[in-house]
Amino acid sequence: MRIGLDVRYLSHRLVGGVRNYVAQFTETLVHVASEHDIVLYADTKAPFELQNLPNNVTVRLLPWHGPQSSIYYDLFLKKYMQQDHLDIVHFTSNYGFGPQGSYCVITLHDEINLLPLREIIAGHRKTPRVIAMMTYLHLMTRAAVQKADLIITASEYSRQQIIRYSGISPQRITVVHHACPRDIQRIEDPVVLRDVRQRLNLNKPFVVADAFKNPGVLIRAWQRLPQPIRDQYEIIFFSRSPDVLPIVHKAIRAGFARMFVRPQYSDLSALYTMATVFVFPSWIEGFGIPLVEAMTCGTPIIASNRGSIPEVVDQAGYIIDAEDDQALAHLLVELLTNPEAAETLRQRGFARVKQFSWTQNAQRVIELYHSLLTARPSQPSARLPKEGSL
């Protein structure tokens, strides 16, 4: 079988959940699918992230001359894929258009790009650039999913939402769960934890949270906590960007919160490991990678009831309404003052996270590739050269 993957996310210096998925999935697939020929399509905007790839992999580096190049390859990457005579083409970041003669698979991470455009724009800043980008992604995704032979998404919640907003057949959408990034691990060495604590000046026990995921409800809940708890603990936010909601900066100025922007995986692992609670009151999630990160590191979880979160957390965390600061404050008091309750959630998290594996993810995707080819068995073909460029 000859497989082509659009992995341009790995040559653009991007951060965030989609980039993490593309990296973890690709690294795993190329090893699990060692008997198949795989072509990775990236471009030259930035150095390609993956190195030391196995011999069954060819990297095609597409010339990048500016933003117009990204649009061009969105529309015409299929022309380059056609030259490689692929059985399967897989677009790993929400949309793409495959060549004739190849089955087309899209990983659609959630339903956001399929929502009515007014709803998409309502959730973002109203600058001309943002409106143009949201409109472009909306149009490309809607067109692409109608043409795809198979759509893979990360949760049953996302599957149902994609069916709702796209109108495509449920038989064309399959759930394959994500997993924890391999670089996130619970840190048991007290010396390592002590060094991180000293270097980051972590003088108080803390609650950890993602600054992009509805931070306002956590800050409001914090104001409800008894004064002794507020004096003893602080909030540590991590963020992929310093451009967060003003309420986060206000909490930092008030002295009860701090924020680390783009922490290294080793530091993020330490933050999860040392945190008393991980709070994740997100408004919408197609999967929620931070949830499996927290479970991997043994952090008790309080999370919202939105999107896929209850499906991922199951019984391994407390679930609240995303805007219920009163309920959040009550559960924070319980976990911050009751070590037994926190330990119960920690052990449930360790058990739950075993259900999510990148190897299982890649193996399942290969099975799906084979199912598409059942009606047209692939023919043996010569190995591709190790490297290539266009």
Protein backbone atom coordinates (compact mmCIF):
# COMPACT_ATOMS: atom_id res chain seq x y z
CA MET A 1 0.00 0.00 0.00
CA ARG A 2 1.24 3.48 -0.89
CA ILE A 3 0.14 6.17 1.54
CA GLY A 4 0.51 9.94 1.25
CA LEU A 5 0.17 12.25 4.28
CA ASP A 6 -0.22 16.02 4.18
CA VAL A 7 1.99 17.05 7.11
CA ARG A 8 2.63 20.72 6.28
CA TYR A 9 1.74 21.52 9.90
CA LEU A 10 5.20 20.14 10.72
CA SER A 11 7.06 22.65 8.54
CA HIS A 12 5.35 25.86 9.73
CA ARG A 13 6.61 26.17 13.33
CA LEU A 14 3.05 25.80 14.59
CA VAL A 15 1.90 24.97 18.12
CA GLY A 16 -1.34 23.66 19.54
CA GLY A 17 -3.46 20.55 19.49
CA VAL A 18 -3.60 19.94 15.74
CA ARG A 19 0.18 20.25 15.39
CA ASN A 20 0.65 17.83 18.29
CA TYR A 21 -1.72 15.34 16.69
CA VAL A 22 0.00 15.52 13.30
CA ALA A 23 3.42 14.98 14.89
CA GLN A 24 2.41 12.11 17.18
CA PHE A 25 0.27 10.35 14.58
CA THR A 26 2.87 10.63 11.81
CA GLU A 27 5.77 9.49 13.99
CA THR A 28 3.78 6.45 15.05
CA LEU A 29 2.28 5.57 11.69
CA VAL A 30 5.57 5.47 9.78
CA HIS A 31 6.86 2.81 12.18
CA VAL A 32 3.65 0.82 12.58
CA ALA A 33 3.16 0.76 8.78
CA SER A 34 6.72 -0.38 8.09
CA GLU A 35 5.68 -2.71 5.26
CA HIS A 36 4.03 0.14 3.33
CA ASP A 37 5.48 3.02 1.30
CA ILE A 38 4.68 6.40 2.86
CA VAL A 39 5.16 9.84 1.31
CA LEU A 40 5.10 12.89 3.60
CA TYR A 41 4.23 16.20 1.95
CA ALA A 42 5.68 19.23 3.72
CA ASP A 43 7.02 22.56 2.45
CA THR A 44 10.04 24.78 2.96
CA LYS A 45 8.48 27.51 5.10
CA ALA A 46 10.43 26.19 8.09
CA PRO A 47 12.67 23.17 8.73
CA PHE A 48 10.72 19.93 8.74
CA GLU A 49 10.33 18.72 12.31
CA LEU A 50 10.66 14.95 11.89
CA GLN A 51 14.12 13.42 11.58
CA ASN A 52 15.59 9.91 11.36
CA LEU A 53 12.61 8.52 9.50
CA PRO A 54 12.59 4.83 8.49
CA ASN A 55 13.43 3.64 4.98
CA ASN A 56 9.81 3.21 3.95
CA VAL A 57 9.30 7.00 4.11
CA THR A 58 9.88 9.66 1.46
CA VAL A 59 9.66 13.37 2.31
CA ARG A 60 8.49 15.68 -0.47
CA LEU A 61 9.45 19.28 0.27
CA LEU A 62 7.30 21.76 -1.65
CA PRO A 63 8.76 25.23 -2.35
CA TRP A 64 7.17 27.90 -0.16
CA HIS A 65 7.30 31.54 -1.30
CA GLY A 66 4.75 33.18 1.00
CA PRO A 67 1.15 32.84 2.21
CA GLN A 68 -0.01 32.35 -1.36
CA SER A 69 1.97 29.09 -1.43
CA SER A 70 -0.14 27.64 1.37
CA ILE A 71 -3.33 28.47 -0.51
CA TYR A 72 -1.88 27.04 -3.72
CA TYR A 73 -0.98 23.73 -2.07
CA ASP A 74 -4.36 23.57 -0.34
CA LEU A 75 -5.90 23.56 -3.80
CA PHE A 76 -3.28 21.76 -5.87
CA LEU A 77 -1.33 19.44 -3.59
CA LYS A 78 -3.31 16.71 -5.33
CA LYS A 79 -1.30 17.41 -8.49
CA TYR A 80 1.94 16.43 -6.74
CA MET A 81 0.29 13.49 -5.02
CA GLN A 82 -0.90 12.23 -8.40
CA GLN A 83 2.72 11.78 -9.48
CA ASP A 84 3.38 9.35 -6.63
CA HIS A 85 0.57 6.93 -7.61
CA LEU A 86 -0.82 6.68 -4.10
CA ASP A 87 -3.50 4.28 -2.92
CA ILE A 88 -4.46 6.43 0.09
CA VAL A 89 -4.04 10.15 0.69
CA HIS A 90 -4.61 11.37 4.22
CA PHE A 91 -5.06 15.03 5.11
CA THR A 92 -4.29 15.26 8.82
CA SER A 93 -5.44 18.81 9.59
CA ASN A 94 -9.14 19.22 8.76
CA TYR A 95 -9.29 19.50 4.97
CA GLY A 96 -7.67 18.60 1.68
CA PHE A 97 -8.44 17.43 -1.84
CA GLY A 98 -6.98 14.17 -3.11
CA PRO A 99 -6.09 13.16 -6.66
CA GLN A 100 -8.20 10.92 -8.85
CA GLY A 101 -7.37 7.26 -8.40
CA SER A 102 -6.57 7.59 -4.67
CA TYR A 103 -8.88 7.18 -1.72
CA CYS A 104 -9.09 10.37 0.33
CA VAL A 105 -9.09 10.38 4.15
CA ILE A 106 -9.44 13.53 6.28
CA THR A 107 -8.84 13.86 9.99
CA LEU A 108 -11.42 16.45 11.01
CA HIS A 109 -10.60 17.33 14.60
CA ASP A 110 -13.94 18.91 15.48
CA GLU A 111 -16.95 20.59 13.95
CA ILE A 112 -15.82 24.19 14.32
CA ASN A 113 -15.05 24.81 10.64
CA LEU A 114 -18.43 23.36 9.68
CA LEU A 115 -20.53 25.61 11.89
CA PRO A 116 -22.56 28.40 10.23
CA LEU A 117 -20.06 31.13 9.40
CA ARG A 118 -21.72 33.70 11.66
CA GLU A 119 -21.22 31.36 14.63
CA ILE A 120 -17.56 30.80 13.77
CA ILE A 121 -16.84 34.50 13.47
CA ALA A 122 -18.76 35.25 16.67
CA GLY A 123 -16.20 33.22 18.62
CA HIS A 124 -13.16 35.12 17.31
CA ARG A 125 -11.84 38.64 17.21
CA LYS A 126 -13.44 40.64 14.42
CA THR A 127 -10.33 41.82 12.58
CA PRO A 128 -10.39 41.63 8.75
CA ARG A 129 -7.58 39.07 8.80
CA VAL A 130 -9.37 36.81 11.28
CA ILE A 131 -12.68 37.06 9.41
CA ALA A 132 -10.94 36.23 6.12
CA MET A 133 -9.13 33.24 7.66
CA MET A 134 -12.25 31.86 9.33
CA THR A 135 -14.22 32.23 6.10
CA TYR A 136 -11.48 30.46 4.13
CA LEU A 137 -11.25 27.53 6.56
CA HIS A 138 -15.05 27.23 6.63
CA LEU A 139 -15.36 27.06 2.85
CA MET A 140 -12.40 24.70 2.37
CA THR A 141 -13.52 22.30 5.07
CA ARG A 142 -17.12 22.14 3.91
CA ALA A 143 -16.02 21.43 0.35
CA ALA A 144 -13.40 18.87 1.37
CA VAL A 145 -15.56 16.71 3.63
CA GLN A 146 -18.16 16.32 0.89
CA LYS A 147 -15.52 14.80 -1.39
CA ALA A 148 -13.65 12.64 1.13
CA ASP A 149 -14.07 8.87 1.15
CA LEU A 150 -13.55 8.67 4.90
CA ILE A 151 -13.48 11.17 7.78
CA ILE A 152 -11.66 10.33 11.00
CA THR A 153 -12.41 12.28 14.15
CA ALA A 154 -11.30 12.00 17.75
CA SER A 155 -14.53 11.49 19.68
CA GLU A 156 -18.11 10.34 19.34
CA TYR A 157 -19.19 13.86 20.27
CA SER A 158 -17.29 15.29 17.29
CA ARG A 159 -18.67 12.57 15.04
CA GLN A 160 -22.24 13.48 15.90
CA GLN A 161 -21.56 17.19 15.45
CA ILE A 162 -19.90 16.62 12.07
CA ILE A 163 -22.92 14.61 10.94
CA ARG A 164 -25.19 17.38 12.18
CA TYR A 165 -23.45 20.23 10.41
CA SER A 166 -22.23 18.52 7.24
CA GLY A 167 -25.14 16.25 6.40
CA ILE A 168 -22.81 13.52 5.19
CA SER A 169 -23.48 9.84 5.78
CA PRO A 170 -22.63 8.56 9.27
CA GLN A 171 -20.99 5.54 7.62
CA ARG A 172 -18.24 7.83 6.28
CA ILE A 173 -17.17 9.07 9.74
CA THR A 174 -15.15 6.96 12.19
CA VAL A 175 -13.90 7.72 15.70
CA VAL A 176 -10.23 7.07 16.49
CA HIS A 177 -9.19 8.52 19.84
CA HIS A 178 -6.05 10.61 20.28
CA ALA A 179 -3.54 9.93 23.06
CA CYS A 180 -1.02 11.70 25.27
CA PRO A 181 2.07 13.27 23.68
CA ARG A 182 5.01 10.98 24.37
CA ASP A 183 7.02 13.86 25.83
CA ILE A 184 4.50 14.31 28.65
CA GLN A 185 5.28 11.95 31.53
CA ARG A 186 4.71 11.95 35.26
CA ILE A 187 7.94 12.95 37.00
CA GLU A 188 8.75 10.84 40.04
CA ASP A 189 12.25 12.17 40.75
CA PRO A 190 11.95 14.69 43.63
CA VAL A 191 15.24 16.32 42.64
CA VAL A 192 13.90 17.14 39.18
CA LEU A 193 10.71 18.53 40.66
CA ARG A 194 12.64 20.60 43.19
CA ASP A 195 14.82 22.07 40.42
CA VAL A 196 11.78 23.05 38.35
CA ARG A 197 10.06 24.52 41.38
CA GLN A 198 13.11 26.65 42.18
CA ARG A 199 13.74 27.70 38.58
CA LEU A 200 10.11 28.72 38.01
CA ASN A 201 9.84 30.27 41.47
CA LEU A 202 6.91 28.08 42.50
CA ASN A 203 6.74 28.96 46.16
CA LYS A 204 3.12 27.93 46.78
CA PRO A 205 1.08 24.83 46.00
CA PHE A 206 -1.02 25.53 42.94
CA VAL A 207 -3.88 24.73 40.61
CA VAL A 208 -2.91 24.46 36.94
CA ALA A 209 -5.07 25.51 33.96
CA ASP A 210 -4.89 26.33 30.25
CA ALA A 211 -5.16 30.12 29.84
CA PHE A 212 -7.09 29.72 26.57
CA LYS A 213 -9.79 27.43 27.95
CA ASN A 214 -12.45 29.61 29.60
CA PRO A 215 -10.17 31.05 32.30
CA GLY A 216 -12.84 33.45 33.52
CA VAL A 217 -14.90 30.83 35.34
CA LEU A 218 -11.83 29.66 37.27
CA ILE A 219 -10.97 33.22 38.26
CA ARG A 220 -14.54 33.87 39.38
CA ALA A 221 -14.54 30.61 41.35
CA TRP A 222 -11.25 31.62 42.97
CA GLN A 223 -12.92 34.68 44.44
CA ARG A 224 -15.44 32.38 46.15
CA LEU A 225 -12.82 30.29 47.95
CA PRO A 226 -12.27 30.75 51.69
CA GLN A 227 -9.53 33.27 52.34
CA PRO A 228 -7.15 30.74 53.94
CA ILE A 229 -7.19 28.64 50.75
CA ARG A 230 -6.63 31.68 48.55
CA ASP A 231 -3.71 32.68 50.74
CA GLN A 232 -2.18 29.21 50.54
CA TYR A 233 -2.63 28.42 46.82
CA GLU A 234 -2.17 30.17 43.47
CA ILE A 235 -3.26 29.57 39.88
CA ILE A 236 -0.60 28.62 37.33
CA PHE A 237 -1.77 29.15 33.75
CA PHE A 238 0.08 27.72 30.75
CA SER A 239 -0.55 29.14 27.30
CA ARG A 240 0.57 28.71 23.71
CA SER A 241 0.53 32.52 23.33
CA PRO A 242 0.71 35.62 25.55
CA ASP A 243 -2.38 36.93 23.75
CA VAL A 244 -4.98 35.73 26.27
CA LEU A 245 -8.17 37.25 27.64
CA PRO A 246 -7.77 40.43 29.73
CA ILE A 247 -9.18 38.66 32.80
CA VAL A 248 -6.05 36.49 32.94
CA HIS A 249 -3.76 39.51 32.96
CA LYS A 250 -5.96 41.10 35.62
CA ALA A 251 -5.61 38.01 37.84
CA ILE A 252 -1.84 38.09 37.35
CA ARG A 253 -1.69 41.76 38.35
CA ALA A 254 -3.81 40.96 41.41
CA GLY A 255 -1.12 38.51 42.51
CA PHE A 256 -3.05 35.22 42.70
CA ALA A 257 -2.17 33.89 39.23
CA ARG A 258 0.89 33.44 37.05
CA MET A 259 1.32 32.35 33.44
CA PHE A 260 3.99 30.44 31.53
CA VAL A 261 3.92 30.82 27.75
CA ARG A 262 4.90 27.80 25.65
CA PRO A 263 6.56 25.84 28.46
CA GLN A 264 8.86 23.00 27.44
CA TYR A 265 7.30 19.54 27.67
CA SER A 266 9.58 18.76 30.61
CA ASP A 267 8.35 21.82 32.50
CA LEU A 268 4.72 21.14 31.57
CA SER A 269 5.11 17.58 32.83
CA ALA A 270 6.47 18.95 36.10
CA LEU A 271 3.60 21.46 36.41
CA TYR A 272 1.01 18.71 35.94
CA THR A 273 2.84 16.41 38.37
CA MET A 274 3.14 19.04 41.10
CA ALA A 275 -0.32 20.59 40.67
CA THR A 276 -2.98 19.80 43.23
CA VAL A 277 -5.76 20.09 40.62
CA PHE A 278 -6.03 20.59 36.85
CA VAL A 279 -9.02 22.79 35.92
CA PHE A 280 -10.26 22.52 32.33
CA PRO A 281 -13.60 24.36 31.95
CA SER A 282 -13.35 24.51 28.15
CA TRP A 283 -16.30 25.70 26.08
CA ILE A 284 -15.71 23.18 23.28
CA GLU A 285 -13.34 20.29 22.64
CA GLY A 286 -13.13 17.78 19.85
CA PHE A 287 -11.01 15.62 22.14
CA GLY A 288 -9.00 17.54 24.74
CA ILE A 289 -5.35 16.47 24.77
CA PRO A 290 -4.66 18.36 28.06
CA LEU A 291 -7.04 15.94 29.76
CA VAL A 292 -4.94 12.89 28.88
CA GLU A 293 -1.79 14.86 29.72
CA ALA A 294 -3.15 15.53 33.20
CA MET A 295 -4.25 11.93 33.70
CA THR A 296 -0.84 10.69 32.58
CA CYS A 297 0.83 12.89 35.19
CA GLY A 298 -1.63 12.01 37.95
CA THR A 299 -3.34 15.38 38.26
CA PRO A 300 -6.91 15.30 39.64
CA ILE A 301 -9.26 16.91 37.11
CA ILE A 302 -12.21 19.29 37.29
CA ALA A 303 -13.55 19.86 33.77
CA SER A 304 -16.60 21.17 31.97
CA ASN A 305 -19.48 19.17 30.54
CA ARG A 306 -18.99 20.60 27.05
CA GLY A 307 -17.98 18.84 23.86
CA SER A 308 -16.08 15.58 24.15
CA ILE A 309 -14.82 16.21 27.69
CA PRO A 310 -17.20 13.86 29.59
CA GLU A 311 -16.48 11.15 27.01
CA VAL A 312 -12.72 11.44 27.51
CA VAL A 313 -12.69 11.92 31.28
CA ASP A 314 -15.38 9.33 32.05
CA GLN A 315 -15.15 8.69 35.84
CA ALA A 316 -11.61 10.06 36.18
CA GLY A 317 -12.59 13.63 37.05
CA TYR A 318 -15.32 15.93 38.33
CA ILE A 319 -17.60 17.39 35.64
CA ILE A 320 -19.37 20.76 35.98
CA ASP A 321 -21.18 23.21 33.74
CA ALA A 322 -18.61 25.36 31.95
CA GLU A 323 -19.96 28.59 33.48
CA ASP A 324 -20.83 27.38 36.99
CA ASP A 325 -18.22 29.12 39.12
CA GLN A 326 -20.10 28.20 42.30
CA ALA A 327 -19.88 24.46 41.60
CA LEU A 328 -16.25 24.85 40.57
CA ALA A 329 -15.42 26.62 43.83
CA HIS A 330 -17.12 23.86 45.83
CA LEU A 331 -15.12 21.13 44.08
CA LEU A 332 -11.88 23.07 44.40
CA VAL A 333 -12.39 23.24 48.15
CA GLU A 334 -13.00 19.50 48.24
CA LEU A 335 -9.86 18.58 46.30
CA LEU A 336 -7.64 21.17 47.96
CA THR A 337 -8.64 20.10 51.45
CA ASN A 338 -9.35 16.37 51.03
CA PRO A 339 -6.28 14.35 49.97
CA GLU A 340 -8.31 11.13 49.81
CA ALA A 341 -10.70 12.58 47.21
CA ALA A 342 -7.75 13.85 45.17
CA GLU A 343 -6.03 10.45 45.36
CA THR A 344 -9.17 8.69 44.17
CA LEU A 345 -9.28 10.85 41.04
CA ARG A 346 -5.55 10.41 40.52
CA GLN A 347 -5.84 6.62 40.47
CA ARG A 348 -8.89 6.73 38.21
CA GLY A 349 -6.93 8.94 35.83
CA PHE A 350 -4.03 6.49 35.70
CA ALA A 351 -6.47 3.72 34.80
CA ARG A 352 -8.43 5.77 32.28
CA VAL A 353 -5.45 7.07 30.31
CA LYS A 354 -4.40 3.50 29.48
CA GLN A 355 -7.35 3.46 27.07
CA PHE A 356 -5.60 6.01 24.83
CA SER A 357 -2.56 4.95 22.79
CA TRP A 358 -0.89 6.36 19.67
CA THR A 359 0.08 2.84 18.59
CA GLN A 360 -3.54 1.73 18.80
CA ASN A 361 -4.52 4.92 16.95
CA ALA A 362 -2.13 4.22 14.06
CA GLN A 363 -3.06 0.54 13.87
CA ARG A 364 -6.74 1.43 13.68
CA VAL A 365 -6.10 3.99 10.93
CA ILE A 366 -4.19 1.40 8.90
CA GLU A 367 -7.17 -0.95 9.26
CA LEU A 368 -9.37 1.83 7.89
CA TYR A 369 -7.02 2.33 4.94
CA HIS A 370 -7.28 -1.39 4.18
CA SER A 371 -11.06 -1.27 4.40
CA LEU A 372 -11.13 1.39 1.70
CA LEU A 373 -8.93 -0.73 -0.54
CA THR A 374 -10.97 -3.90 -0.13
CA ALA A 375 -12.74 -3.33 -3.43
CA ARG A 376 -9.46 -2.43 -5.16
CA PRO A 377 -6.51 -4.40 -3.73
CA SER A 378 -3.23 -2.54 -4.01
CA GLN A 379 -0.49 -3.98 -6.19
CA PRO A 380 3.08 -4.54 -4.99
CA SER A 381 5.33 -1.65 -5.90
CA ALA A 382 8.98 -0.75 -5.61
CA ARG A 383 10.19 1.12 -2.57
CA LEU A 384 10.46 4.88 -2.93
CA PRO A 385 13.78 6.64 -2.36
CA LYS A 386 14.45 7.87 1.15
CA GLU A 387 14.24 11.59 0.34
CA GLY A 388 12.76 13.69 -2.38
CA SER A 389 11.80 17.24 -3.23
CA LEU A 390 9.63 19.05 -5.72
